[in-house]
Amino acid sequence: MSTAYIHVEKASDMQTQWGSCSPKGQLTLNPHLVKAPRDCIDYVLLHELCHVAEHNHSEGFYRLMRQVMPQWEKVKERLDGMAYFYLNDV
């Protein structure tokens, strides 16, 4: 069984991504994520947790994403559309 550890990074250190997952399962989250709607936060968390099982963006990764959040593409599109405002405090 894999274990994931969550770490919130300084805002200045994560300018272009919402989260990441290290090979050891450490999740790093952008603190600006808390400004996003709940489903967008869920998407980022699930995306990074899927990397604990699939460490790349292979077909297996996307299959797992569809299993845990079938509508992930719509949620990602919504989050991407709001990213500028959340990341720049607009």
N, C-alpha and C. Protein backbone atom coordinates (compact mmCIF):
# COMPACT_ATOMS: atom_id res chain seq x y z
N MET A 1 0.84 -1.17 0.00
CA MET A 1 0.00 0.00 0.00
C MET A 1 0.88 1.24 0.00
N SER A 2 0.60 2.20 -0.89
CA SER A 2 1.36 3.43 -0.98
C SER A 2 0.85 4.44 0.02
N THR A 3 1.75 5.28 0.49
CA THR A 3 1.40 6.34 1.42
C THR A 3 1.71 7.67 0.77
N ALA A 4 0.82 8.63 0.91
CA ALA A 4 1.04 9.97 0.38
C ALA A 4 1.19 10.94 1.53
N TYR A 5 2.13 11.85 1.41
CA TYR A 5 2.35 12.90 2.38
C TYR A 5 2.04 14.22 1.72
N ILE A 6 1.32 15.09 2.39
CA ILE A 6 0.93 16.37 1.80
C ILE A 6 1.77 17.49 2.36
N HIS A 7 2.26 18.34 1.47
CA HIS A 7 3.09 19.48 1.83
C HIS A 7 2.53 20.69 1.07
N VAL A 8 2.33 21.80 1.76
CA VAL A 8 1.88 23.03 1.10
C VAL A 8 3.11 23.90 0.90
N GLU A 9 3.37 24.25 -0.33
CA GLU A 9 4.56 25.00 -0.71
C GLU A 9 4.30 26.49 -0.59
N LYS A 10 5.36 27.28 -0.44
CA LYS A 10 5.24 28.73 -0.45
C LYS A 10 4.67 29.16 -1.80
N ALA A 11 3.80 30.17 -1.77
CA ALA A 11 3.15 30.63 -2.99
C ALA A 11 4.15 31.02 -4.08
N SER A 12 5.24 31.64 -3.71
CA SER A 12 6.22 32.09 -4.70
C SER A 12 6.92 30.93 -5.39
N ASP A 13 6.89 29.75 -4.79
CA ASP A 13 7.59 28.61 -5.36
C ASP A 13 6.75 27.82 -6.37
N MET A 14 5.46 28.09 -6.44
CA MET A 14 4.60 27.35 -7.36
C MET A 14 3.79 28.34 -8.19
N GLN A 15 4.39 28.88 -9.21
CA GLN A 15 3.72 29.89 -10.03
C GLN A 15 2.93 29.30 -11.19
N THR A 16 3.24 28.07 -11.59
CA THR A 16 2.61 27.55 -12.80
C THR A 16 1.87 26.24 -12.61
N GLN A 17 1.82 25.73 -11.40
CA GLN A 17 1.11 24.47 -11.21
C GLN A 17 0.38 24.46 -9.88
N TRP A 18 -0.67 23.65 -9.84
CA TRP A 18 -1.51 23.55 -8.65
C TRP A 18 -0.97 22.54 -7.67
N GLY A 19 -0.27 21.56 -8.15
CA GLY A 19 0.24 20.52 -7.26
C GLY A 19 1.25 19.65 -7.97
N SER A 20 1.92 18.83 -7.18
CA SER A 20 2.85 17.86 -7.74
C SER A 20 2.94 16.67 -6.79
N CYS A 21 3.48 15.59 -7.30
CA CYS A 21 3.65 14.37 -6.52
C CYS A 21 5.05 13.85 -6.76
N SER A 22 5.83 13.73 -5.69
CA SER A 22 7.20 13.23 -5.82
C SER A 22 7.17 11.72 -6.02
N PRO A 23 8.26 11.14 -6.49
CA PRO A 23 8.34 9.69 -6.64
C PRO A 23 8.11 8.94 -5.32
N LYS A 24 8.36 9.61 -4.18
CA LYS A 24 8.14 8.99 -2.88
C LYS A 24 6.72 9.20 -2.37
N GLY A 25 5.87 9.88 -3.16
CA GLY A 25 4.49 10.07 -2.77
C GLY A 25 4.21 11.33 -1.97
N GLN A 26 5.15 12.27 -1.95
CA GLN A 26 4.91 13.54 -1.25
C GLN A 26 4.13 14.46 -2.18
N LEU A 27 2.94 14.86 -1.74
CA LEU A 27 2.13 15.79 -2.51
C LEU A 27 2.46 17.20 -2.09
N THR A 28 2.69 18.05 -3.06
CA THR A 28 2.93 19.46 -2.81
C THR A 28 1.81 20.24 -3.46
N LEU A 29 1.17 21.10 -2.69
CA LEU A 29 0.02 21.86 -3.17
C LEU A 29 0.31 23.35 -3.16
N ASN A 30 -0.20 24.03 -4.16
CA ASN A 30 -0.09 25.48 -4.23
C ASN A 30 -1.09 26.07 -3.23
N PRO A 31 -0.66 26.97 -2.34
CA PRO A 31 -1.59 27.51 -1.34
C PRO A 31 -2.73 28.32 -1.95
N HIS A 32 -2.58 28.81 -3.17
CA HIS A 32 -3.67 29.55 -3.83
C HIS A 32 -4.85 28.63 -4.17
N LEU A 33 -4.62 27.33 -4.13
CA LEU A 33 -5.67 26.37 -4.45
C LEU A 33 -6.88 26.53 -3.53
N VAL A 34 -6.68 27.00 -2.31
CA VAL A 34 -7.80 27.14 -1.37
C VAL A 34 -8.83 28.16 -1.85
N LYS A 35 -8.47 29.01 -2.81
CA LYS A 35 -9.40 30.01 -3.35
C LYS A 35 -10.35 29.41 -4.39
N ALA A 36 -10.03 28.24 -4.87
CA ALA A 36 -10.80 27.60 -5.94
C ALA A 36 -12.04 26.90 -5.38
N PRO A 37 -13.03 26.67 -6.24
CA PRO A 37 -14.21 25.91 -5.83
C PRO A 37 -13.84 24.49 -5.40
N ARG A 38 -14.67 23.92 -4.58
CA ARG A 38 -14.41 22.60 -3.99
C ARG A 38 -14.14 21.53 -5.04
N ASP A 39 -14.90 21.51 -6.12
CA ASP A 39 -14.67 20.47 -7.12
C ASP A 39 -13.31 20.63 -7.80
N CYS A 40 -12.82 21.85 -7.90
CA CYS A 40 -11.49 22.08 -8.48
C CYS A 40 -10.40 21.62 -7.52
N ILE A 41 -10.59 21.86 -6.24
CA ILE A 41 -9.65 21.37 -5.23
C ILE A 41 -9.64 19.84 -5.26
N ASP A 42 -10.82 19.25 -5.30
CA ASP A 42 -10.92 17.78 -5.38
C ASP A 42 -10.17 17.25 -6.61
N TYR A 43 -10.33 17.94 -7.74
CA TYR A 43 -9.65 17.52 -8.96
C TYR A 43 -8.13 17.49 -8.77
N VAL A 44 -7.57 18.57 -8.21
CA VAL A 44 -6.11 18.63 -8.03
C VAL A 44 -5.65 17.54 -7.07
N LEU A 45 -6.37 17.36 -5.97
CA LEU A 45 -5.99 16.31 -5.02
C LEU A 45 -6.05 14.93 -5.66
N LEU A 46 -7.13 14.65 -6.38
CA LEU A 46 -7.26 13.34 -7.03
C LEU A 46 -6.20 13.15 -8.11
N HIS A 47 -5.92 14.21 -8.85
CA HIS A 47 -4.88 14.15 -9.89
C HIS A 47 -3.55 13.74 -9.27
N GLU A 48 -3.18 14.42 -8.19
CA GLU A 48 -1.90 14.11 -7.55
C GLU A 48 -1.92 12.74 -6.88
N LEU A 49 -3.02 12.35 -6.28
CA LEU A 49 -3.11 11.01 -5.68
C LEU A 49 -3.03 9.91 -6.73
N CYS A 50 -3.57 10.17 -7.92
CA CYS A 50 -3.44 9.19 -9.01
C CYS A 50 -1.98 8.99 -9.38
N HIS A 51 -1.16 10.03 -9.20
CA HIS A 51 0.27 9.90 -9.49
C HIS A 51 0.98 8.98 -8.50
N VAL A 52 0.39 8.74 -7.35
CA VAL A 52 0.98 7.78 -6.42
C VAL A 52 0.97 6.39 -7.06
N ALA A 53 -0.10 6.10 -7.81
CA ALA A 53 -0.21 4.80 -8.50
C ALA A 53 0.41 4.82 -9.89
N GLU A 54 0.23 5.92 -10.61
CA GLU A 54 0.74 6.07 -11.98
C GLU A 54 1.59 7.33 -12.01
N HIS A 55 2.90 7.19 -12.08
CA HIS A 55 3.80 8.33 -11.90
C HIS A 55 3.98 9.19 -13.14
N ASN A 56 3.17 9.00 -14.14
CA ASN A 56 3.27 9.80 -15.36
C ASN A 56 1.87 10.07 -15.89
N HIS A 57 1.79 10.68 -17.04
CA HIS A 57 0.49 10.95 -17.65
C HIS A 57 0.23 9.94 -18.77
N SER A 58 0.34 8.67 -18.43
CA SER A 58 0.11 7.58 -19.37
C SER A 58 -1.40 7.32 -19.51
N GLU A 59 -1.74 6.42 -20.38
CA GLU A 59 -3.15 6.02 -20.53
C GLU A 59 -3.67 5.45 -19.22
N GLY A 60 -2.82 4.72 -18.51
CA GLY A 60 -3.22 4.17 -17.21
C GLY A 60 -3.58 5.27 -16.21
N PHE A 61 -2.81 6.35 -16.23
CA PHE A 61 -3.11 7.49 -15.36
C PHE A 61 -4.48 8.06 -15.69
N TYR A 62 -4.73 8.31 -16.98
CA TYR A 62 -6.01 8.92 -17.37
C TYR A 62 -7.18 7.96 -17.14
N ARG A 63 -6.95 6.67 -17.29
CA ARG A 63 -7.99 5.69 -16.98
C ARG A 63 -8.35 5.78 -15.49
N LEU A 64 -7.34 5.87 -14.65
CA LEU A 64 -7.57 6.00 -13.21
C LEU A 64 -8.29 7.32 -12.89
N MET A 65 -7.90 8.40 -13.55
CA MET A 65 -8.59 9.68 -13.33
C MET A 65 -10.07 9.57 -13.69
N ARG A 66 -10.37 8.92 -14.81
CA ARG A 66 -11.77 8.77 -15.22
C ARG A 66 -12.55 7.92 -14.22
N GLN A 67 -11.88 6.97 -13.58
CA GLN A 67 -12.55 6.14 -12.58
C GLN A 67 -12.88 6.94 -11.33
N VAL A 68 -11.95 7.77 -10.87
CA VAL A 68 -12.17 8.49 -9.61
C VAL A 68 -12.93 9.79 -9.80
N MET A 69 -12.88 10.38 -11.01
CA MET A 69 -13.59 11.62 -11.29
C MET A 69 -13.94 11.66 -12.78
N PRO A 70 -15.07 11.06 -13.14
CA PRO A 70 -15.42 10.96 -14.56
C PRO A 70 -15.47 12.31 -15.29
N GLN A 71 -15.79 13.38 -14.60
CA GLN A 71 -15.92 14.70 -15.23
C GLN A 71 -14.66 15.55 -15.07
N TRP A 72 -13.51 14.93 -14.81
CA TRP A 72 -12.29 15.67 -14.49
C TRP A 72 -11.91 16.68 -15.56
N GLU A 73 -12.15 16.38 -16.83
CA GLU A 73 -11.74 17.31 -17.90
C GLU A 73 -12.49 18.63 -17.83
N LYS A 74 -13.79 18.57 -17.53
CA LYS A 74 -14.58 19.80 -17.39
C LYS A 74 -14.11 20.61 -16.19
N VAL A 75 -13.82 19.92 -15.09
CA VAL A 75 -13.37 20.60 -13.88
C VAL A 75 -12.00 21.24 -14.12
N LYS A 76 -11.10 20.52 -14.79
CA LYS A 76 -9.78 21.06 -15.10
C LYS A 76 -9.90 22.29 -15.98
N GLU A 77 -10.76 22.24 -16.97
CA GLU A 77 -10.97 23.37 -17.87
C GLU A 77 -11.46 24.59 -17.08
N ARG A 78 -12.37 24.35 -16.16
CA ARG A 78 -12.89 25.43 -15.31
C ARG A 78 -11.77 26.03 -14.45
N LEU A 79 -10.96 25.18 -13.82
CA LEU A 79 -9.86 25.66 -12.99
C LEU A 79 -8.84 26.41 -13.84
N ASP A 80 -8.49 25.88 -14.99
CA ASP A 80 -7.54 26.55 -15.87
C ASP A 80 -8.04 27.93 -16.27
N GLY A 81 -9.35 28.06 -16.47
CA GLY A 81 -9.94 29.34 -16.85
C GLY A 81 -9.88 30.38 -15.74
N MET A 82 -9.79 29.94 -14.50
CA MET A 82 -9.74 30.85 -13.36
C MET A 82 -8.33 31.02 -12.80
N ALA A 83 -7.37 30.29 -13.31
CA ALA A 83 -6.03 30.25 -12.73
C ALA A 83 -5.39 31.63 -12.62
N TYR A 84 -5.47 32.42 -13.65
CA TYR A 84 -4.84 33.74 -13.61
C TYR A 84 -5.33 34.55 -12.42
N PHE A 85 -6.62 34.52 -12.19
CA PHE A 85 -7.21 35.31 -11.10
C PHE A 85 -6.78 34.80 -9.73
N TYR A 86 -6.75 33.49 -9.57
CA TYR A 86 -6.37 32.91 -8.27
C TYR A 86 -4.87 33.07 -8.00
N LEU A 87 -4.06 32.89 -9.02
CA LEU A 87 -2.61 32.94 -8.83
C LEU A 87 -2.07 34.36 -8.71
N ASN A 88 -2.84 35.34 -9.17
CA ASN A 88 -2.38 36.72 -9.15
C ASN A 88 -3.21 37.62 -8.25
N ASP A 89 -4.06 37.04 -7.42
CA ASP A 89 -4.89 37.79 -6.49
C ASP A 89 -5.67 38.92 -7.17
N VAL A 90 -6.23 38.62 -8.35
CA VAL A 90 -7.02 39.61 -9.09
C VAL A 90 -8.47 39.55 -8.61
